[in-house]
Amino acid sequence: LARLEVGAWFAPRFAGEPIPSLAQVLDLTRGRVGLNVELKRHGHERRLVEASVALLQAADLGPDCLVTCTDLGTLRRVKALAPGLRVGWVCNTDPGDPAGLRLDALSLHLSLATPHRIRACQAARVQTHVWTVNDPADMARLVGLGVTSIITDTPAVLRRLLAAGV
C-alpha cells in the first residue's frame, strides 16, 4: 500500500503522496487530534484486530482514540485484548438500548439519529457520532441535540455553523 500514489486526484501538488501506515498516522496525529480508527471487516483479513490493537496500545493515545467497526464481535475482541481502548459500533440499523451494549459510542447513520435515540445514548453515557451529515439543517439539528460528533464531507460548512453559535 505504501507504494500506491493517492494525492494526484486531490491536486497536482500532492502527486506522489503515498498511503501512510496506521503507525505513521498515529505518530503524526498524537496529541493534535482525536482519532476514530474504523476497522473494516471483509472476511479475508488476518490478525486485523490483534495488529491494530498492538499499534494503538503502543501509541498510548488514551481517550483520544476510538476504535469503531460495523461488527460487534470485532469490538468485543478489541475490548478483550485491550480493556482500556474505547470502542464504538457503526450502525445503519436500530442498535437497540444503548445501555445494554457495553460500548463507549454509537456511530449512527443520519437516519437513526432521532431525538429519542440521542437522549437514550446520553442517559447511558454512550457517545453519539453521526454519519454522513452534509446538509446544514441536519448539522444544526444534531448540534442542538448534543451529539458528540458529526462526520461530514463538508467540514467547512460545519465549522461555519459552529462559529455562528448554532
Protein backbone atom coordinates (compact mmCIF):
# COMPACT_ATOMS: atom_id res chain seq x y z
CA LEU A 1 0.00 0.00 0.00
CA ALA A 2 2.86 2.39 0.75
CA ARG A 3 3.84 2.26 -2.94
CA LEU A 4 0.42 3.43 -4.14
CA GLU A 5 0.02 7.09 -5.04
CA VAL A 6 -3.05 8.77 -3.55
CA GLY A 7 -2.52 12.51 -3.84
CA ALA A 8 -2.90 13.40 -7.53
CA TRP A 9 -6.70 13.08 -7.53
CA PHE A 10 -6.85 15.87 -4.94
CA ALA A 11 -4.48 18.36 -6.55
CA PRO A 12 -1.37 18.19 -8.76
CA ARG A 13 0.88 19.42 -5.93
CA PHE A 14 0.06 16.23 -3.98
CA ALA A 15 1.09 13.87 -6.77
CA GLY A 16 3.32 11.11 -5.47
CA GLU A 17 1.89 11.09 -1.93
CA PRO A 18 1.76 7.51 -0.62
CA ILE A 19 -0.82 5.95 1.67
CA PRO A 20 0.50 6.34 5.22
CA SER A 21 0.57 3.35 7.53
CA LEU A 22 -1.53 3.37 10.68
CA ALA A 23 1.68 3.72 12.71
CA GLN A 24 2.62 6.82 10.69
CA VAL A 25 -0.83 8.35 11.20
CA LEU A 26 -0.65 7.69 14.95
CA ASP A 27 2.75 9.35 15.16
CA LEU A 28 1.63 12.35 13.11
CA THR A 29 -1.62 12.97 14.99
CA ARG A 30 -0.63 12.15 18.59
CA GLY A 31 -1.72 14.96 20.86
CA ARG A 32 -3.13 17.00 17.97
CA VAL A 33 -6.49 15.41 17.14
CA GLY A 34 -8.77 12.67 18.33
CA LEU A 35 -8.90 9.61 16.09
CA ASN A 36 -11.74 7.37 15.05
CA VAL A 37 -9.99 4.22 13.83
CA GLU A 38 -12.57 2.17 11.95
CA LEU A 39 -11.70 -1.49 11.47
CA LYS A 40 -13.14 -2.64 8.15
CA ARG A 41 -14.10 -6.32 8.09
CA HIS A 42 -14.33 -8.04 4.72
CA GLY A 43 -13.70 -11.65 5.72
CA HIS A 44 -10.21 -12.04 4.25
CA GLU A 45 -8.16 -10.01 6.71
CA ARG A 46 -5.78 -11.77 9.04
CA ARG A 47 -4.95 -10.57 12.53
CA LEU A 48 -6.56 -7.19 11.85
CA VAL A 49 -7.74 -6.82 15.44
CA GLU A 50 -4.53 -8.03 17.05
CA ALA A 51 -2.25 -5.91 14.85
CA SER A 52 -4.41 -2.80 15.22
CA VAL A 53 -4.69 -3.16 18.98
CA ALA A 54 -0.92 -3.61 19.30
CA LEU A 55 -0.29 -0.40 17.35
CA LEU A 56 -2.91 1.55 19.29
CA GLN A 57 -1.61 0.36 22.65
CA ALA A 58 1.96 1.23 21.68
CA ALA A 59 0.80 4.72 20.64
CA ASP A 60 -0.84 5.18 24.06
CA LEU A 61 -3.48 7.62 22.80
CA GLY A 62 -5.82 7.07 25.73
CA PRO A 63 -9.17 8.84 25.38
CA ASP A 64 -8.03 10.50 22.13
CA CYS A 65 -8.75 7.27 20.25
CA LEU A 66 -11.98 5.46 19.47
CA VAL A 67 -11.98 2.10 17.67
CA THR A 68 -15.12 1.56 15.60
CA CYS A 69 -16.47 -1.27 13.48
CA THR A 70 -19.74 -2.50 11.98
CA ASP A 71 -19.15 -5.89 13.62
CA LEU A 72 -19.89 -6.24 17.35
CA GLY A 73 -17.77 -9.39 17.59
CA THR A 74 -14.74 -7.44 16.42
CA LEU A 75 -15.38 -4.77 19.05
CA ARG A 76 -15.71 -7.42 21.76
CA ARG A 77 -12.35 -8.85 20.65
CA VAL A 78 -10.76 -5.37 20.85
CA LYS A 79 -12.08 -4.98 24.41
CA ALA A 80 -10.86 -8.45 25.39
CA LEU A 81 -7.36 -7.63 24.17
CA ALA A 82 -7.29 -4.04 25.42
CA PRO A 83 -9.97 -3.18 28.01
CA GLY A 84 -8.72 0.41 28.12
CA LEU A 85 -9.45 1.14 24.46
CA ARG A 86 -12.74 2.89 23.74
CA VAL A 87 -14.98 1.15 21.19
CA GLY A 88 -17.97 2.20 19.12
CA TRP A 89 -20.41 0.36 16.90
CA VAL A 90 -21.02 1.74 13.41
CA CYS A 91 -24.78 1.24 12.92
CA ASN A 92 -27.09 1.58 9.97
CA THR A 93 -29.90 -0.34 11.67
CA ASP A 94 -31.58 0.07 15.06
CA PRO A 95 -28.94 -0.73 17.69
CA GLY A 96 -31.47 -1.28 20.46
CA ASP A 97 -30.99 0.02 24.00
CA PRO A 98 -27.55 1.65 24.23
CA ALA A 99 -27.38 0.98 27.97
CA GLY A 100 -27.12 -2.76 27.41
CA LEU A 101 -24.48 -2.71 24.68
CA ARG A 102 -21.36 -2.13 26.83
CA LEU A 103 -19.95 0.31 24.29
CA ASP A 104 -18.38 3.72 24.57
CA ALA A 105 -20.01 5.08 21.44
CA LEU A 106 -22.56 4.50 18.73
CA SER A 107 -21.69 5.76 15.28
CA LEU A 108 -25.15 6.22 13.85
CA HIS A 109 -26.28 6.67 10.29
CA LEU A 110 -28.06 10.01 9.98
CA SER A 111 -31.44 8.28 9.59
CA LEU A 112 -31.03 6.74 13.08
CA ALA A 113 -30.14 9.98 14.86
CA THR A 114 -33.56 10.63 16.39
CA PRO A 115 -34.05 12.80 19.47
CA HIS A 116 -35.20 9.72 21.42
CA ARG A 117 -32.11 7.67 20.48
CA ILE A 118 -29.71 10.56 21.16
CA ARG A 119 -31.28 11.08 24.61
CA ALA A 120 -31.05 7.34 25.33
CA CYS A 121 -27.34 7.39 24.44
CA GLN A 122 -26.76 10.42 26.62
CA ALA A 123 -28.56 8.77 29.54
CA ALA A 124 -26.40 5.66 29.08
CA ARG A 125 -23.21 7.78 28.77
CA VAL A 126 -22.66 6.46 25.27
CA GLN A 127 -21.17 8.96 22.82
CA THR A 128 -23.07 9.64 19.60
CA HIS A 129 -21.22 10.07 16.32
CA VAL A 130 -23.50 10.66 13.33
CA TRP A 131 -22.56 9.99 9.68
CA THR A 132 -22.63 11.25 6.90
CA VAL A 133 -24.11 14.68 7.54
CA ASN A 134 -23.69 17.23 4.74
CA ASP A 135 -26.88 19.29 4.99
CA PRO A 136 -26.55 22.42 7.18
CA ALA A 137 -30.08 21.97 8.58
CA ASP A 138 -29.24 18.42 9.70
CA MET A 139 -25.98 19.68 11.22
CA ALA A 140 -27.80 22.38 13.19
CA ARG A 141 -30.43 19.89 14.40
CA LEU A 142 -27.76 17.43 15.58
CA VAL A 143 -25.73 20.13 17.32
CA GLY A 144 -28.94 21.18 19.09
CA LEU A 145 -29.49 17.59 20.21
CA GLY A 146 -26.00 17.47 21.69
CA VAL A 147 -24.40 14.73 19.61
CA THR A 148 -20.74 14.04 20.34
CA SER A 149 -19.55 14.45 16.78
CA ILE A 150 -20.70 14.87 13.22
CA ILE A 151 -18.98 13.03 10.40
CA THR A 152 -19.23 15.08 7.22
CA ASP A 153 -17.80 15.53 3.74
CA THR A 154 -18.16 19.29 4.21
CA PRO A 155 -16.26 20.21 7.41
CA ALA A 156 -16.02 23.89 6.40
CA VAL A 157 -19.83 24.12 6.46
CA LEU A 158 -19.96 22.58 9.93
CA ARG A 159 -17.18 24.88 11.16
CA ARG A 160 -19.10 27.95 9.93
CA LEU A 161 -22.27 26.76 11.70
CA LEU A 162 -20.40 26.15 14.94
CA ALA A 163 -18.65 29.53 14.71
CA ALA A 164 -22.05 31.17 14.23
CA GLY A 165 -23.21 29.62 17.50
CA VAL A 166 -25.67 27.12 16.07
